[in-house]
Amino acid sequence: MPISDSQLKAFMLDAALITEEKLIQAEKRAKKAEQKLADFLVDKKMISQAAFPCAATL
């Protein structure tokens, strides 16, 4: 089941998986690379595909 970038961001911050600063930077870099946030985070190994299998389908 796909999740939106806003849901992913909220979850990651609520679970303290990433700092807000790092998430903002990642979001800017993903946008610049024309990638979805989840795909960018997986590509940069900031999250694992196993933890977020939906990343490839977003």
C-alpha atoms as a PDB file:
ATOM      1  CA  MET A   1       0.000   0.000   0.000  1.00  0.00           C
ATOM      2  CA  PRO A   2       1.590   3.280  -1.081  1.00  0.00           C
ATOM      3  CA  ILE A   3       1.989   6.072   1.430  1.00  0.00           C
ATOM      4  CA  SER A   4       2.309   9.760   0.727  1.00  0.00           C
ATOM      5  CA  ASP A   5       5.442  11.773   1.382  1.00  0.00           C
ATOM      6  CA  SER A   6       3.617  13.631   4.165  1.00  0.00           C
ATOM      7  CA  GLN A   7       2.695  10.337   5.872  1.00  0.00           C
ATOM      8  CA  LEU A   8       6.266   9.076   5.526  1.00  0.00           C
ATOM      9  CA  LYS A   9       7.703  12.300   6.947  1.00  0.00           C
ATOM     10  CA  ALA A  10       5.287  12.274   9.893  1.00  0.00           C
ATOM     11  CA  PHE A  11       6.049   8.637  10.676  1.00  0.00           C
ATOM     12  CA  MET A  12       9.808   9.077  10.471  1.00  0.00           C
ATOM     13  CA  LEU A  13       9.742  12.131  12.729  1.00  0.00           C
ATOM     14  CA  ASP A  14       7.302  10.578  15.219  1.00  0.00           C
ATOM     15  CA  ALA A  15       9.430   7.429  15.430  1.00  0.00           C
ATOM     16  CA  ALA A  16      12.615   9.532  15.729  1.00  0.00           C
ATOM     17  CA  LEU A  17      14.137   7.725  12.740  1.00  0.00           C
ATOM     18  CA  ILE A  18      15.549  10.973  11.350  1.00  0.00           C
ATOM     19  CA  THR A  19      15.984  14.538  12.533  1.00  0.00           C
ATOM     20  CA  GLU A  20      13.757  17.217  11.083  1.00  0.00           C
ATOM     21  CA  GLU A  21      16.830  18.979   9.684  1.00  0.00           C
ATOM     22  CA  LYS A  22      18.038  15.865   7.852  1.00  0.00           C
ATOM     23  CA  LEU A  23      14.546  15.189   6.564  1.00  0.00           C
ATOM     24  CA  ILE A  24      14.226  18.720   5.174  1.00  0.00           C
ATOM     25  CA  GLN A  25      17.617  18.395   3.475  1.00  0.00           C
ATOM     26  CA  ALA A  26      16.673  15.006   2.036  1.00  0.00           C
ATOM     27  CA  GLU A  27      13.374  16.367   0.774  1.00  0.00           C
ATOM     28  CA  LYS A  28      15.140  19.237  -1.026  1.00  0.00           C
ATOM     29  CA  ARG A  29      17.706  16.873  -2.550  1.00  0.00           C
ATOM     30  CA  ALA A  30      14.981  14.440  -3.650  1.00  0.00           C
ATOM     31  CA  LYS A  31      13.054  17.238  -5.314  1.00  0.00           C
ATOM     32  CA  LYS A  32      16.204  18.443  -7.087  1.00  0.00           C
ATOM     33  CA  ALA A  33      16.895  14.873  -8.272  1.00  0.00           C
ATOM     34  CA  GLU A  34      13.247  14.556  -9.345  1.00  0.00           C
ATOM     35  CA  GLN A  35      12.756  11.532  -7.083  1.00  0.00           C
ATOM     36  CA  LYS A  36      10.045  10.652  -4.631  1.00  0.00           C
ATOM     37  CA  LEU A  37      11.194  11.131  -1.060  1.00  0.00           C
ATOM     38  CA  ALA A  38      10.927   7.431  -0.148  1.00  0.00           C
ATOM     39  CA  ASP A  39      12.952   6.377  -3.198  1.00  0.00           C
ATOM     40  CA  PHE A  40      15.600   8.994  -2.423  1.00  0.00           C
ATOM     41  CA  LEU A  41      15.870   7.857   1.203  1.00  0.00           C
ATOM     42  CA  VAL A  42      16.265   4.224   0.121  1.00  0.00           C
ATOM     43  CA  ASP A  43      18.836   5.133  -2.564  1.00  0.00           C
ATOM     44  CA  LYS A  44      20.884   7.083  -0.015  1.00  0.00           C
ATOM     45  CA  LYS A  45      20.506   4.243   2.518  1.00  0.00           C
ATOM     46  CA  MET A  46      18.779   6.524   5.025  1.00  0.00           C
ATOM     47  CA  ILE A  47      15.987   3.923   5.252  1.00  0.00           C
ATOM     48  CA  SER A  48      15.918   0.321   4.117  1.00  0.00           C
ATOM     49  CA  GLN A  49      13.724  -1.124   1.402  1.00  0.00           C
ATOM     50  CA  ALA A  50      12.815  -3.902   3.859  1.00  0.00           C
ATOM     51  CA  ALA A  51      11.496  -1.371   6.374  1.00  0.00           C
ATOM     52  CA  PHE A  52       9.578   0.518   3.682  1.00  0.00           C
ATOM     53  CA  PRO A  53       8.772  -1.912   0.867  1.00  0.00           C
ATOM     54  CA  CYS A  54       6.367   0.631  -0.578  1.00  0.00           C
ATOM     55  CA  ALA A  55       9.288   2.957  -1.436  1.00  0.00           C
ATOM     56  CA  ALA A  56       9.740   1.487  -4.908  1.00  0.00           C
ATOM     57  CA  THR A  57       6.037   1.851  -5.674  1.00  0.00           C
ATOM     58  CA  LEU A  58       5.508   5.448  -4.594  1.00  0.00           C
END
